[in-house]
């Protein structure tokens, strides 16, 4: 595998990992909301979600409903 192909491959792996982590965090937010009866903002605070990511997860969870 040449250097460029390796970079493309690694970028794809990293993108996949980031997407998987985001899906896992979104699932954790939903679980906290339902089991602890908290708002989405409270759930994200419990999980120590950085403020700059709050809107991303709000949008993601709104698409699922």
N, C-alpha and C. Protein backbone atom coordinates (compact mmCIF):
# COMPACT_ATOMS: atom_id res chain seq x y z
N UNK A 1 0.86 -1.17 0.00
CA UNK A 1 0.00 0.00 0.00
C UNK A 1 0.91 1.23 0.00
N UNK A 2 0.69 2.10 -0.96
CA UNK A 2 1.52 3.31 -1.00
C UNK A 2 1.09 4.28 0.09
N UNK A 3 1.88 5.30 0.30
CA UNK A 3 1.67 6.24 1.40
C UNK A 3 0.32 6.96 1.29
N UNK A 4 -0.06 7.37 0.07
CA UNK A 4 -1.34 8.06 -0.12
C UNK A 4 -2.51 7.14 0.20
N UNK A 5 -2.43 5.90 -0.27
CA UNK A 5 -3.50 4.93 0.00
C UNK A 5 -3.61 4.66 1.50
N UNK A 6 -2.48 4.59 2.16
CA UNK A 6 -2.47 4.36 3.61
C UNK A 6 -3.13 5.54 4.33
N UNK A 7 -2.87 6.75 3.89
CA UNK A 7 -3.48 7.93 4.49
C UNK A 7 -4.99 7.93 4.31
N UNK A 8 -5.44 7.57 3.11
CA UNK A 8 -6.88 7.49 2.83
C UNK A 8 -7.52 6.42 3.70
N UNK A 9 -6.87 5.27 3.80
CA UNK A 9 -7.38 4.17 4.62
C UNK A 9 -7.50 4.61 6.08
N UNK A 10 -6.45 5.21 6.61
CA UNK A 10 -6.45 5.64 8.01
C UNK A 10 -7.49 6.73 8.26
N UNK A 11 -7.69 7.62 7.30
CA UNK A 11 -8.72 8.66 7.43
C UNK A 11 -10.10 8.01 7.51
N UNK A 12 -10.33 7.00 6.71
CA UNK A 12 -11.61 6.29 6.74
C UNK A 12 -11.83 5.58 8.07
N UNK A 13 -10.79 4.97 8.59
CA UNK A 13 -10.88 4.31 9.89
C UNK A 13 -11.20 5.33 10.97
N UNK A 14 -10.51 6.45 10.95
CA UNK A 14 -10.74 7.50 11.95
C UNK A 14 -12.15 8.07 11.86
N UNK A 15 -12.64 8.26 10.64
CA UNK A 15 -14.02 8.75 10.46
C UNK A 15 -15.02 7.75 11.02
N UNK A 16 -14.78 6.48 10.77
CA UNK A 16 -15.67 5.44 11.27
C UNK A 16 -15.68 5.38 12.79
N UNK A 17 -14.52 5.52 13.38
CA UNK A 17 -14.44 5.53 14.85
C UNK A 17 -15.18 6.73 15.42
N UNK A 18 -14.98 7.89 14.83
CA UNK A 18 -15.65 9.10 15.32
C UNK A 18 -17.16 8.95 15.21
N UNK A 19 -17.62 8.38 14.10
CA UNK A 19 -19.06 8.19 13.92
C UNK A 19 -19.61 7.20 14.95
N UNK A 20 -18.86 6.13 15.21
CA UNK A 20 -19.28 5.15 16.20
C UNK A 20 -19.34 5.74 17.60
N UNK A 21 -18.36 6.57 17.94
CA UNK A 21 -18.35 7.21 19.25
C UNK A 21 -19.55 8.16 19.38
N UNK A 22 -19.85 8.89 18.33
CA UNK A 22 -20.99 9.81 18.36
C UNK A 22 -22.30 9.05 18.53
N UNK A 23 -22.43 7.93 17.83
CA UNK A 23 -23.65 7.12 17.96
C UNK A 23 -23.78 6.57 19.38
N UNK A 24 -22.67 6.14 19.95
CA UNK A 24 -22.69 5.63 21.31
C UNK A 24 -23.06 6.71 22.33
N UNK A 25 -22.52 7.90 22.12
CA UNK A 25 -22.84 8.99 23.03
C UNK A 25 -24.31 9.40 22.90
N UNK A 26 -24.82 9.42 21.68
CA UNK A 26 -26.23 9.75 21.47
C UNK A 26 -27.12 8.72 22.17
N UNK A 27 -26.73 7.46 22.10
CA UNK A 27 -27.50 6.41 22.78
C UNK A 27 -27.44 6.59 24.29
N UNK A 28 -26.29 6.97 24.80
CA UNK A 28 -26.15 7.23 26.24
C UNK A 28 -27.02 8.41 26.67
N UNK A 29 -27.06 9.43 25.85
CA UNK A 29 -27.90 10.59 26.16
C UNK A 29 -29.36 10.17 26.23
N UNK A 30 -29.81 9.40 25.24
CA UNK A 30 -31.20 8.92 25.23
C UNK A 30 -31.50 8.07 26.45
N UNK A 31 -30.58 7.19 26.82
CA UNK A 31 -30.79 6.33 27.98
C UNK A 31 -30.89 7.14 29.26
N UNK A 32 -30.03 8.12 29.43
CA UNK A 32 -30.11 8.98 30.61
C UNK A 32 -31.42 9.74 30.66
N UNK A 33 -31.84 10.24 29.51
CA UNK A 33 -33.10 10.99 29.46
C UNK A 33 -34.27 10.12 29.90
N UNK A 34 -34.28 8.88 29.47
CA UNK A 34 -35.43 8.03 29.79
C UNK A 34 -35.33 7.43 31.19
N UNK A 35 -34.17 6.98 31.61
CA UNK A 35 -34.07 6.31 32.90
C UNK A 35 -34.03 7.27 34.08
N UNK A 36 -33.42 8.44 33.87
CA UNK A 36 -33.30 9.40 34.96
C UNK A 36 -34.29 10.55 34.83
N UNK A 37 -35.06 10.52 33.74
CA UNK A 37 -36.05 11.56 33.48
C UNK A 37 -35.43 12.97 33.53
N UNK A 38 -34.35 13.13 32.76
CA UNK A 38 -33.67 14.43 32.69
C UNK A 38 -33.79 14.97 31.28
N UNK A 39 -33.54 16.26 31.13
CA UNK A 39 -33.58 16.89 29.81
C UNK A 39 -32.33 16.51 29.03
N UNK A 40 -32.36 16.79 27.75
CA UNK A 40 -31.19 16.50 26.92
C UNK A 40 -29.97 17.30 27.40
N UNK A 41 -30.19 18.54 27.81
CA UNK A 41 -29.07 19.34 28.30
C UNK A 41 -28.49 18.76 29.59
N UNK A 42 -29.35 18.31 30.48
CA UNK A 42 -28.88 17.70 31.72
C UNK A 42 -28.12 16.41 31.44
N UNK A 43 -28.63 15.61 30.50
CA UNK A 43 -27.96 14.37 30.14
C UNK A 43 -26.57 14.65 29.56
N UNK A 44 -26.47 15.65 28.71
CA UNK A 44 -25.17 15.98 28.14
C UNK A 44 -24.22 16.52 29.21
N UNK A 45 -24.73 17.25 30.18
CA UNK A 45 -23.90 17.73 31.29
C UNK A 45 -23.39 16.56 32.12
N UNK A 46 -24.26 15.60 32.40
CA UNK A 46 -23.86 14.41 33.16
C UNK A 46 -22.72 13.68 32.44
N UNK A 47 -22.80 13.61 31.12
CA UNK A 47 -21.79 12.92 30.32
C UNK A 47 -20.58 13.80 30.00
N UNK A 48 -20.61 15.02 30.52
CA UNK A 48 -19.51 15.97 30.29
C UNK A 48 -19.26 16.23 28.80
N UNK A 49 -20.35 16.36 28.07
CA UNK A 49 -20.28 16.67 26.65
C UNK A 49 -19.86 18.13 26.49
N UNK A 50 -18.83 18.39 25.70
CA UNK A 50 -18.40 19.78 25.52
C UNK A 50 -19.54 20.64 24.96
N UNK A 51 -19.65 21.87 25.44
CA UNK A 51 -20.75 22.75 24.99
C UNK A 51 -20.82 22.90 23.46
N UNK A 52 -19.69 22.88 22.80
CA UNK A 52 -19.70 23.06 21.35
C UNK A 52 -20.30 21.85 20.62
N UNK A 53 -20.50 20.73 21.31
CA UNK A 53 -21.10 19.55 20.70
C UNK A 53 -22.59 19.42 21.01
N UNK A 54 -23.11 20.26 21.89
CA UNK A 54 -24.51 20.14 22.31
C UNK A 54 -25.48 20.23 21.13
N UNK A 55 -25.31 21.19 20.26
CA UNK A 55 -26.24 21.34 19.14
C UNK A 55 -26.17 20.16 18.20
N UNK A 56 -24.99 19.61 18.00
CA UNK A 56 -24.83 18.44 17.14
C UNK A 56 -25.70 17.29 17.65
N UNK A 57 -25.64 17.02 18.96
CA UNK A 57 -26.41 15.91 19.51
C UNK A 57 -27.89 16.22 19.56
N UNK A 58 -28.25 17.46 19.78
CA UNK A 58 -29.67 17.84 19.73
C UNK A 58 -30.22 17.57 18.34
N UNK A 59 -29.48 17.97 17.32
CA UNK A 59 -29.91 17.74 15.93
C UNK A 59 -29.97 16.25 15.62
N UNK A 60 -28.96 15.52 16.05
CA UNK A 60 -28.91 14.08 15.78
C UNK A 60 -30.10 13.36 16.42
N UNK A 61 -30.39 13.68 17.66
CA UNK A 61 -31.50 13.00 18.34
C UNK A 61 -32.85 13.46 17.80
N UNK A 62 -32.93 14.69 17.32
CA UNK A 62 -34.20 15.16 16.73
C UNK A 62 -34.51 14.40 15.45
N UNK A 63 -33.49 14.02 14.69
CA UNK A 63 -33.69 13.26 13.46
C UNK A 63 -34.24 11.87 13.75
N UNK A 64 -33.90 11.32 14.91
CA UNK A 64 -34.33 9.97 15.25
C UNK A 64 -35.78 9.90 15.70
N UNK A 65 -36.35 11.02 16.06
CA UNK A 65 -37.73 11.01 16.57
C UNK A 65 -38.74 11.11 15.47
